[in-house]
């Protein structure tokens, strides 16, 4: 079974493997190496059942992931309390209704943040959100210091709408500052990009959770890898080697890939 760790200073317990859900609801304007069809409800039920059987309880979604929130809400309406749901605020993806292609725009204002939270609650069919992350556009420091979004999330936490908040950051400077302000940080930490190691170390000192994203390089680690060795196992070994990492988020809509990744994640943690 996948072990669990406390989400920073909160009383929330999350699995050390989280299931990313971009592909649950969006298949356009993405950076994956290949195209794919959106999965059926039956496929998603099988994925969730597989993850649950391995002890996974963390799902990562966002408004910018197309229909992901709505689909999760429909699928989990009878099992909401079995899952820890992380969603985001700040990024909106608008797709062309004819082509599906689209682009993102960002809004970190207090009004939009509250409206986004209310919409996520409706879409996910829940009356609380476990974790809400600011979806950074890359300008981490201005977002954290010059917009009201952190204060708004703090207020929403006090009001009981959300249990924890943080940022999905894109810079070391942003991650370091977020360790002073947030319950959790989502960041990239790979063998090719180890630059965020100081932020992971600081987060551990501050008792802030660290969630890893793009562990497999959005699929490119397999697509571009040399024919020798197991790039997925190597990536997971690296991800879990830092003691400050709370959970690694991996997304797939391929059931066999999910099973394989879960086993390799356990192996990386010396549990399989």
C-alpha atoms as a PDB file:
ATOM      1  CA  UNK A   1       0.000   0.000   0.000  1.00  0.00           C
ATOM      2  CA  UNK A   2       1.163   3.506  -0.806  1.00  0.00           C
ATOM      3  CA  UNK A   3       2.358   5.235   2.385  1.00  0.00           C
ATOM      4  CA  UNK A   4       0.871   8.522   3.540  1.00  0.00           C
ATOM      5  CA  UNK A   5       2.360  11.708   4.882  1.00  0.00           C
ATOM      6  CA  UNK A   6       0.913  14.717   6.625  1.00  0.00           C
ATOM      7  CA  UNK A   7       0.250  17.706   4.342  1.00  0.00           C
ATOM      8  CA  UNK A   8       2.539  20.231   5.986  1.00  0.00           C
ATOM      9  CA  UNK A   9       1.204  21.620   9.266  1.00  0.00           C
ATOM     10  CA  UNK A  10      -2.348  20.470   8.552  1.00  0.00           C
ATOM     11  CA  UNK A  11      -4.112  17.351   9.812  1.00  0.00           C
ATOM     12  CA  UNK A  12      -4.604  16.128   6.228  1.00  0.00           C
ATOM     13  CA  UNK A  13      -2.970  12.807   5.376  1.00  0.00           C
ATOM     14  CA  UNK A  14      -2.081  12.281   1.707  1.00  0.00           C
ATOM     15  CA  UNK A  15      -0.624   9.380  -0.227  1.00  0.00           C
ATOM     16  CA  UNK A  16       2.966   9.760  -1.411  1.00  0.00           C
ATOM     17  CA  UNK A  17       1.668   9.198  -4.954  1.00  0.00           C
ATOM     18  CA  UNK A  18      -1.016  11.488  -6.353  1.00  0.00           C
ATOM     19  CA  UNK A  19      -3.013  10.963  -9.529  1.00  0.00           C
ATOM     20  CA  UNK A  20      -2.877  13.912 -11.922  1.00  0.00           C
ATOM     21  CA  UNK A  21      -6.059  14.473 -13.907  1.00  0.00           C
ATOM     22  CA  UNK A  22      -5.219  16.846 -16.769  1.00  0.00           C
ATOM     23  CA  UNK A  23      -6.114  14.104 -19.249  1.00  0.00           C
ATOM     24  CA  UNK A  24      -9.468  13.482 -17.566  1.00  0.00           C
ATOM     25  CA  UNK A  25     -10.883  16.584 -19.210  1.00  0.00           C
ATOM     26  CA  UNK A  26      -8.526  18.242 -21.668  1.00  0.00           C
ATOM     27  CA  UNK A  27      -6.662  16.990 -24.732  1.00  0.00           C
ATOM     28  CA  UNK A  28      -5.932  20.207 -26.618  1.00  0.00           C
ATOM     29  CA  UNK A  29      -3.095  22.756 -26.412  1.00  0.00           C
ATOM     30  CA  UNK A  30      -0.997  20.499 -24.191  1.00  0.00           C
ATOM     31  CA  UNK A  31       2.732  19.731 -24.201  1.00  0.00           C
ATOM     32  CA  UNK A  32       2.516  15.937 -24.286  1.00  0.00           C
ATOM     33  CA  UNK A  33       4.463  14.112 -27.019  1.00  0.00           C
ATOM     34  CA  UNK A  34       1.358  12.525 -28.544  1.00  0.00           C
ATOM     35  CA  UNK A  35      -2.363  13.099 -28.989  1.00  0.00           C
ATOM     36  CA  UNK A  36      -5.035  11.144 -27.134  1.00  0.00           C
ATOM     37  CA  UNK A  37      -8.794  10.823 -26.846  1.00  0.00           C
ATOM     38  CA  UNK A  38     -10.537  11.803 -23.640  1.00  0.00           C
ATOM     39  CA  UNK A  39     -11.249   8.656 -21.608  1.00  0.00           C
ATOM     40  CA  UNK A  40     -14.744   7.307 -21.035  1.00  0.00           C
ATOM     41  CA  UNK A  41     -16.377   7.314 -17.614  1.00  0.00           C
ATOM     42  CA  UNK A  42     -15.759   3.585 -17.434  1.00  0.00           C
ATOM     43  CA  UNK A  43     -12.032   4.082 -18.052  1.00  0.00           C
ATOM     44  CA  UNK A  44     -11.897   6.743 -15.370  1.00  0.00           C
ATOM     45  CA  UNK A  45     -13.691   4.512 -12.891  1.00  0.00           C
ATOM     46  CA  UNK A  46     -11.111   1.790 -13.555  1.00  0.00           C
ATOM     47  CA  UNK A  47      -8.244   4.257 -13.059  1.00  0.00           C
ATOM     48  CA  UNK A  48      -9.671   5.516  -9.780  1.00  0.00           C
ATOM     49  CA  UNK A  49     -10.322   1.976  -8.569  1.00  0.00           C
ATOM     50  CA  UNK A  50      -6.750   0.964  -9.381  1.00  0.00           C
ATOM     51  CA  UNK A  51      -5.320   3.991  -7.594  1.00  0.00           C
ATOM     52  CA  UNK A  52      -7.549   3.361  -4.571  1.00  0.00           C
ATOM     53  CA  UNK A  53      -6.521  -0.313  -4.425  1.00  0.00           C
ATOM     54  CA  UNK A  54      -2.888   0.803  -4.120  1.00  0.00           C
ATOM     55  CA  UNK A  55      -3.760   3.175  -1.289  1.00  0.00           C
ATOM     56  CA  UNK A  56      -3.749   6.407  -3.306  1.00  0.00           C
ATOM     57  CA  UNK A  57      -6.080   9.080  -1.939  1.00  0.00           C
ATOM     58  CA  UNK A  58      -4.749  12.255  -3.626  1.00  0.00           C
ATOM     59  CA  UNK A  59      -6.205  13.650  -6.850  1.00  0.00           C
ATOM     60  CA  UNK A  60      -4.817  16.781  -8.500  1.00  0.00           C
ATOM     61  CA  UNK A  61      -7.043  18.836 -10.782  1.00  0.00           C
ATOM     62  CA  UNK A  62      -7.628  22.440 -11.885  1.00  0.00           C
ATOM     63  CA  UNK A  63     -10.147  24.637 -13.699  1.00  0.00           C
ATOM     64  CA  UNK A  64      -7.603  24.835 -16.539  1.00  0.00           C
ATOM     65  CA  UNK A  65      -7.880  21.057 -17.025  1.00  0.00           C
ATOM     66  CA  UNK A  66     -10.990  21.315 -19.158  1.00  0.00           C
ATOM     67  CA  UNK A  67     -13.803  19.108 -17.822  1.00  0.00           C
ATOM     68  CA  UNK A  68     -11.631  17.393 -15.206  1.00  0.00           C
ATOM     69  CA  UNK A  69     -13.328  18.911 -12.145  1.00  0.00           C
ATOM     70  CA  UNK A  70     -16.831  18.099 -13.382  1.00  0.00           C
ATOM     71  CA  UNK A  71     -15.895  14.516 -14.212  1.00  0.00           C
ATOM     72  CA  UNK A  72     -14.268  13.977 -10.828  1.00  0.00           C
ATOM     73  CA  UNK A  73     -17.334  15.427  -9.141  1.00  0.00           C
ATOM     74  CA  UNK A  74     -19.627  13.039 -10.997  1.00  0.00           C
ATOM     75  CA  UNK A  75     -17.421  10.009 -10.350  1.00  0.00           C
ATOM     76  CA  UNK A  76     -16.800  10.663  -6.655  1.00  0.00           C
ATOM     77  CA  UNK A  77     -20.193  11.926  -5.533  1.00  0.00           C
ATOM     78  CA  UNK A  78     -20.673   8.810  -3.371  1.00  0.00           C
ATOM     79  CA  UNK A  79     -17.061   8.538  -2.254  1.00  0.00           C
ATOM     80  CA  UNK A  80     -15.962  12.140  -1.667  1.00  0.00           C
ATOM     81  CA  UNK A  81     -14.628  11.518   1.841  1.00  0.00           C
ATOM     82  CA  UNK A  82     -12.314   8.769   0.574  1.00  0.00           C
ATOM     83  CA  UNK A  83     -10.254  11.247  -1.438  1.00  0.00           C
ATOM     84  CA  UNK A  84      -8.113  14.331  -0.899  1.00  0.00           C
ATOM     85  CA  UNK A  85      -8.753  16.702  -3.793  1.00  0.00           C
ATOM     86  CA  UNK A  86      -6.279  19.368  -4.789  1.00  0.00           C
ATOM     87  CA  UNK A  87      -7.469  21.990  -7.279  1.00  0.00           C
ATOM     88  CA  UNK A  88      -6.193  25.390  -8.348  1.00  0.00           C
ATOM     89  CA  UNK A  89      -7.059  29.046  -8.895  1.00  0.00           C
ATOM     90  CA  UNK A  90      -5.680  31.748 -11.145  1.00  0.00           C
ATOM     91  CA  UNK A  91      -5.543  30.108 -14.566  1.00  0.00           C
ATOM     92  CA  UNK A  92      -8.465  29.917 -16.968  1.00  0.00           C
ATOM     93  CA  UNK A  93      -8.223  27.922 -20.185  1.00  0.00           C
ATOM     94  CA  UNK A  94     -10.698  28.913 -22.871  1.00  0.00           C
ATOM     95  CA  UNK A  95     -10.998  26.532 -25.807  1.00  0.00           C
ATOM     96  CA  UNK A  96     -12.456  27.289 -29.228  1.00  0.00           C
ATOM     97  CA  UNK A  97     -15.791  25.435 -29.359  1.00  0.00           C
ATOM     98  CA  UNK A  98     -15.114  24.276 -32.926  1.00  0.00           C
ATOM     99  CA  UNK A  99     -11.422  23.304 -32.842  1.00  0.00           C
ATOM    100  CA  UNK A 100     -10.799  22.693 -29.159  1.00  0.00           C
ATOM    101  CA  UNK A 101      -7.650  24.780 -29.399  1.00  0.00           C
ATOM    102  CA  UNK A 102      -7.402  27.580 -26.917  1.00  0.00           C
ATOM    103  CA  UNK A 103      -5.225  29.607 -24.626  1.00  0.00           C
ATOM    104  CA  UNK A 104      -4.895  30.424 -20.963  1.00  0.00           C
ATOM    105  CA  UNK A 105      -5.386  33.710 -19.223  1.00  0.00           C
ATOM    106  CA  UNK A 106      -4.671  34.483 -15.591  1.00  0.00           C
ATOM    107  CA  UNK A 107      -6.510  36.403 -12.884  1.00  0.00           C
ATOM    108  CA  UNK A 108      -5.225  36.589  -9.305  1.00  0.00           C
ATOM    109  CA  UNK A 109      -7.750  39.120  -8.021  1.00  0.00           C
ATOM    110  CA  UNK A 110      -9.789  38.543  -4.866  1.00  0.00           C
ATOM    111  CA  UNK A 111     -13.137  38.514  -6.682  1.00  0.00           C
ATOM    112  CA  UNK A 112     -12.033  36.005  -9.304  1.00  0.00           C
ATOM    113  CA  UNK A 113     -10.414  33.805  -6.657  1.00  0.00           C
ATOM    114  CA  UNK A 114     -13.654  33.545  -4.698  1.00  0.00           C
ATOM    115  CA  UNK A 115     -15.682  32.918  -7.839  1.00  0.00           C
ATOM    116  CA  UNK A 116     -13.233  30.218  -8.916  1.00  0.00           C
ATOM    117  CA  UNK A 117     -13.485  28.493  -5.521  1.00  0.00           C
ATOM    118  CA  UNK A 118     -17.288  28.608  -5.643  1.00  0.00           C
ATOM    119  CA  UNK A 119     -17.251  27.147  -9.160  1.00  0.00           C
ATOM    120  CA  UNK A 120     -14.853  24.356  -8.160  1.00  0.00           C
ATOM    121  CA  UNK A 121     -17.105  23.471  -5.230  1.00  0.00           C
ATOM    122  CA  UNK A 122     -20.063  23.149  -7.609  1.00  0.00           C
ATOM    123  CA  UNK A 123     -18.133  21.208 -10.227  1.00  0.00           C
ATOM    124  CA  UNK A 124     -16.636  18.821  -7.682  1.00  0.00           C
ATOM    125  CA  UNK A 125     -19.997  18.420  -5.911  1.00  0.00           C
ATOM    126  CA  UNK A 126     -18.500  19.125  -2.519  1.00  0.00           C
ATOM    127  CA  UNK A 127     -18.848  21.664   0.260  1.00  0.00           C
ATOM    128  CA  UNK A 128     -15.108  21.948   0.956  1.00  0.00           C
ATOM    129  CA  UNK A 129     -11.810  21.796  -0.920  1.00  0.00           C
ATOM    130  CA  UNK A 130      -8.882  19.997   0.679  1.00  0.00           C
ATOM    131  CA  UNK A 131      -6.110  21.923  -1.049  1.00  0.00           C
ATOM    132  CA  UNK A 132      -6.119  24.897  -3.398  1.00  0.00           C
ATOM    133  CA  UNK A 133      -2.957  25.877  -5.265  1.00  0.00           C
ATOM    134  CA  UNK A 134      -2.312  29.119  -7.089  1.00  0.00           C
ATOM    135  CA  UNK A 135      -1.716  28.258 -10.752  1.00  0.00           C
ATOM    136  CA  UNK A 136       1.319  30.443 -11.499  1.00  0.00           C
ATOM    137  CA  UNK A 137       1.901  32.051 -14.873  1.00  0.00           C
ATOM    138  CA  UNK A 138       5.630  32.078 -14.115  1.00  0.00           C
ATOM    139  CA  UNK A 139       5.736  35.421 -12.279  1.00  0.00           C
ATOM    140  CA  UNK A 140       5.754  33.871  -8.826  1.00  0.00           C
ATOM    141  CA  UNK A 141       7.099  36.775  -6.804  1.00  0.00           C
ATOM    142  CA  UNK A 142       4.660  39.410  -8.141  1.00  0.00           C
ATOM    143  CA  UNK A 143       1.772  36.971  -7.637  1.00  0.00           C
ATOM    144  CA  UNK A 144       2.764  36.342  -4.023  1.00  0.00           C
ATOM    145  CA  UNK A 145       3.624  39.931  -3.111  1.00  0.00           C
ATOM    146  CA  UNK A 146       1.567  42.208  -5.363  1.00  0.00           C
ATOM    147  CA  UNK A 147      -1.799  40.469  -5.648  1.00  0.00           C
ATOM    148  CA  UNK A 148      -4.377  39.657  -2.933  1.00  0.00           C
ATOM    149  CA  UNK A 149      -4.586  35.960  -3.773  1.00  0.00           C
ATOM    150  CA  UNK A 150      -2.722  34.571  -0.741  1.00  0.00           C
ATOM    151  CA  UNK A 151      -4.691  36.763   1.648  1.00  0.00           C
ATOM    152  CA  UNK A 152      -7.915  35.714  -0.094  1.00  0.00           C
ATOM    153  CA  UNK A 153      -7.042  32.034   0.264  1.00  0.00           C
ATOM    154  CA  UNK A 154      -6.161  32.580   3.923  1.00  0.00           C
ATOM    155  CA  UNK A 155      -9.590  34.138   4.442  1.00  0.00           C
ATOM    156  CA  UNK A 156     -11.333  31.281   2.614  1.00  0.00           C
ATOM    157  CA  UNK A 157      -9.463  28.840   4.834  1.00  0.00           C
ATOM    158  CA  UNK A 158     -10.636  30.696   7.928  1.00  0.00           C
ATOM    159  CA  UNK A 159     -14.183  30.617   6.574  1.00  0.00           C
ATOM    160  CA  UNK A 160     -13.992  26.841   6.146  1.00  0.00           C
ATOM    161  CA  UNK A 161     -14.236  26.638   2.355  1.00  0.00           C
ATOM    162  CA  UNK A 162     -10.726  25.242   1.959  1.00  0.00           C
ATOM    163  CA  UNK A 163      -8.535  23.225   4.315  1.00  0.00           C
ATOM    164  CA  UNK A 164      -5.113  24.204   2.962  1.00  0.00           C
ATOM    165  CA  UNK A 165      -3.562  26.383   0.266  1.00  0.00           C
ATOM    166  CA  UNK A 166      -0.326  26.877  -1.616  1.00  0.00           C
ATOM    167  CA  UNK A 167       1.139  27.571  -5.030  1.00  0.00           C
ATOM    168  CA  UNK A 168       2.159  25.588  -8.079  1.00  0.00           C
ATOM    169  CA  UNK A 169       5.318  27.593  -8.606  1.00  0.00           C
ATOM    170  CA  UNK A 170       7.700  27.994 -11.510  1.00  0.00           C
ATOM    171  CA  UNK A 171      10.750  29.668  -9.965  1.00  0.00           C
ATOM    172  CA  UNK A 172      13.076  28.912  -7.080  1.00  0.00           C
ATOM    173  CA  UNK A 173      12.557  32.430  -5.726  1.00  0.00           C
ATOM    174  CA  UNK A 174       8.804  31.909  -5.695  1.00  0.00           C
ATOM    175  CA  UNK A 175       9.087  28.536  -3.993  1.00  0.00           C
ATOM    176  CA  UNK A 176      11.395  29.914  -1.300  1.00  0.00           C
ATOM    177  CA  UNK A 177       9.003  32.749  -0.508  1.00  0.00           C
ATOM    178  CA  UNK A 178       5.996  30.416  -0.606  1.00  0.00           C
ATOM    179  CA  UNK A 179       7.604  28.309   2.117  1.00  0.00           C
ATOM    180  CA  UNK A 180       6.989  31.278   4.446  1.00  0.00           C
ATOM    181  CA  UNK A 181       3.394  31.830   3.327  1.00  0.00           C
ATOM    182  CA  UNK A 182       1.746  28.536   2.388  1.00  0.00           C
ATOM    183  CA  UNK A 183       0.763  25.068   3.556  1.00  0.00           C
ATOM    184  CA  UNK A 184       2.059  23.414   0.375  1.00  0.00           C
ATOM    185  CA  UNK A 185       4.174  24.018  -2.710  1.00  0.00           C
ATOM    186  CA  UNK A 186       3.996  22.155  -6.000  1.00  0.00           C
ATOM    187  CA  UNK A 187       7.234  22.341  -7.953  1.00  0.00           C
ATOM    188  CA  UNK A 188       9.502  20.578 -10.448  1.00  0.00           C
ATOM    189  CA  UNK A 189      12.406  18.540  -9.093  1.00  0.00           C
ATOM    190  CA  UNK A 190      14.088  16.165 -11.529  1.00  0.00           C
ATOM    191  CA  UNK A 191      17.599  14.974 -12.304  1.00  0.00           C
ATOM    192  CA  UNK A 192      17.623  17.422 -15.237  1.00  0.00           C
ATOM    193  CA  UNK A 193      16.270  20.273 -13.081  1.00  0.00           C
ATOM    194  CA  UNK A 194      17.465  19.966  -9.463  1.00  0.00           C
ATOM    195  CA  UNK A 195      17.429  23.746  -8.936  1.00  0.00           C
ATOM    196  CA  UNK A 196      14.495  23.655  -6.497  1.00  0.00           C
ATOM    197  CA  UNK A 197      16.342  21.511  -3.925  1.00  0.00           C
ATOM    198  CA  UNK A 198      16.881  24.547  -1.609  1.00  0.00           C
ATOM    199  CA  UNK A 199      13.124  25.187  -1.617  1.00  0.00           C
ATOM    200  CA  UNK A 200      12.415  21.567  -0.721  1.00  0.00           C
ATOM    201  CA  UNK A 201      14.889  21.781   2.150  1.00  0.00           C
ATOM    202  CA  UNK A 202      13.396  25.051   3.420  1.00  0.00           C
ATOM    203  CA  UNK A 203       9.875  23.658   3.141  1.00  0.00           C
ATOM    204  CA  UNK A 204      10.890  20.676   5.271  1.00  0.00           C
ATOM    205  CA  UNK A 205      12.274  23.052   7.911  1.00  0.00           C
ATOM    206  CA  UNK A 206       9.066  25.108   7.817  1.00  0.00           C
ATOM    207  CA  UNK A 207       6.835  22.012   7.865  1.00  0.00           C
ATOM    208  CA  UNK A 208       5.413  22.877   4.438  1.00  0.00           C
ATOM    209  CA  UNK A 209       4.316  20.077   2.098  1.00  0.00           C
ATOM    210  CA  UNK A 210       6.110  19.609  -1.232  1.00  0.00           C
ATOM    211  CA  UNK A 211       4.258  18.065  -4.164  1.00  0.00           C
ATOM    212  CA  UNK A 212       6.259  17.212  -7.266  1.00  0.00           C
ATOM    213  CA  UNK A 213       4.872  17.879 -10.748  1.00  0.00           C
ATOM    214  CA  UNK A 214       6.166  16.874 -14.189  1.00  0.00           C
ATOM    215  CA  UNK A 215       8.066  13.972 -12.638  1.00  0.00           C
ATOM    216  CA  UNK A 216       8.084  12.213 -16.020  1.00  0.00           C
ATOM    217  CA  UNK A 217       8.528  15.411 -18.040  1.00  0.00           C
ATOM    218  CA  UNK A 218       4.905  15.400 -19.259  1.00  0.00           C
ATOM    219  CA  UNK A 219       5.575  12.042 -20.918  1.00  0.00           C
ATOM    220  CA  UNK A 220       8.720  13.133 -22.728  1.00  0.00           C
ATOM    221  CA  UNK A 221      10.988  11.164 -20.407  1.00  0.00           C
ATOM    222  CA  UNK A 222       9.671   7.963 -21.981  1.00  0.00           C
ATOM    223  CA  UNK A 223       9.264   9.306 -25.508  1.00  0.00           C
ATOM    224  CA  UNK A 224      12.749  10.829 -25.707  1.00  0.00           C
ATOM    225  CA  UNK A 225      14.647   8.342 -23.543  1.00  0.00           C
ATOM    226  CA  UNK A 226      17.477   6.145 -24.865  1.00  0.00           C
ATOM    227  CA  UNK A 227      16.603   2.466 -25.341  1.00  0.00           C
ATOM    228  CA  UNK A 228      18.638   1.313 -22.314  1.00  0.00           C
ATOM    229  CA  UNK A 229      17.478   1.365 -18.713  1.00  0.00           C
ATOM    230  CA  UNK A 230      14.116   2.330 -17.240  1.00  0.00           C
ATOM    231  CA  UNK A 231      13.694   6.119 -17.352  1.00  0.00           C
ATOM    232  CA  UNK A 232      10.463   5.996 -15.329  1.00  0.00           C
ATOM    233  CA  UNK A 233      12.062   4.076 -12.480  1.00  0.00           C
ATOM    234  CA  UNK A 234      15.076   6.380 -12.552  1.00  0.00           C
ATOM    235  CA  UNK A 235      12.821   9.459 -12.413  1.00  0.00           C
ATOM    236  CA  UNK A 236      10.812   8.074  -9.501  1.00  0.00           C
ATOM    237  CA  UNK A 237      13.957   7.012  -7.654  1.00  0.00           C
ATOM    238  CA  UNK A 238      15.184  10.596  -7.922  1.00  0.00           C
ATOM    239  CA  UNK A 239      11.815  12.079  -6.942  1.00  0.00           C
ATOM    240  CA  UNK A 240      11.540  10.103  -3.739  1.00  0.00           C
ATOM    241  CA  UNK A 241      15.220  10.376  -2.792  1.00  0.00           C
ATOM    242  CA  UNK A 242      14.724  13.806  -1.187  1.00  0.00           C
ATOM    243  CA  UNK A 243      13.239  13.365   2.308  1.00  0.00           C
ATOM    244  CA  UNK A 244      11.433  16.701   2.028  1.00  0.00           C
ATOM    245  CA  UNK A 245       9.136  15.441  -0.746  1.00  0.00           C
ATOM    246  CA  UNK A 246       5.593  14.757   0.456  1.00  0.00           C
ATOM    247  CA  UNK A 247       4.046  13.347  -2.724  1.00  0.00           C
ATOM    248  CA  UNK A 248       4.759  12.934  -6.437  1.00  0.00           C
ATOM    249  CA  UNK A 249       1.919  13.666  -8.859  1.00  0.00           C
ATOM    250  CA  UNK A 250       1.740  11.522 -11.997  1.00  0.00           C
ATOM    251  CA  UNK A 251      -1.036  11.585 -14.555  1.00  0.00           C
ATOM    252  CA  UNK A 252      -2.157   8.994 -17.065  1.00  0.00           C
ATOM    253  CA  UNK A 253      -5.328   7.624 -18.626  1.00  0.00           C
ATOM    254  CA  UNK A 254      -3.670   4.288 -19.459  1.00  0.00           C
ATOM    255  CA  UNK A 255      -4.570   1.719 -16.816  1.00  0.00           C
ATOM    256  CA  UNK A 256      -1.468  -0.411 -17.371  1.00  0.00           C
ATOM    257  CA  UNK A 257       0.785   2.631 -17.199  1.00  0.00           C
ATOM    258  CA  UNK A 258      -0.851   3.593 -13.908  1.00  0.00           C
ATOM    259  CA  UNK A 259      -0.285   0.131 -12.433  1.00  0.00           C
ATOM    260  CA  UNK A 260       3.323   0.129 -13.602  1.00  0.00           C
ATOM    261  CA  UNK A 261       3.955   3.613 -12.216  1.00  0.00           C
ATOM    262  CA  UNK A 262       2.405   2.723  -8.863  1.00  0.00           C
ATOM    263  CA  UNK A 263       4.620  -0.345  -8.534  1.00  0.00           C
ATOM    264  CA  UNK A 264       7.694   1.664  -9.516  1.00  0.00           C
ATOM    265  CA  UNK A 265       6.761   4.394  -7.020  1.00  0.00           C
ATOM    266  CA  UNK A 266       6.586   1.766  -4.267  1.00  0.00           C
ATOM    267  CA  UNK A 267       9.914   0.350  -5.420  1.00  0.00           C
ATOM    268  CA  UNK A 268      11.457   3.827  -5.353  1.00  0.00           C
ATOM    269  CA  UNK A 269      10.325   4.130  -1.729  1.00  0.00           C
ATOM    270  CA  UNK A 270      11.835   0.698  -1.001  1.00  0.00           C
ATOM    271  CA  UNK A 271       8.380  -0.772  -0.432  1.00  0.00           C
ATOM    272  CA  UNK A 272       8.211  -3.230  -3.333  1.00  0.00           C
END
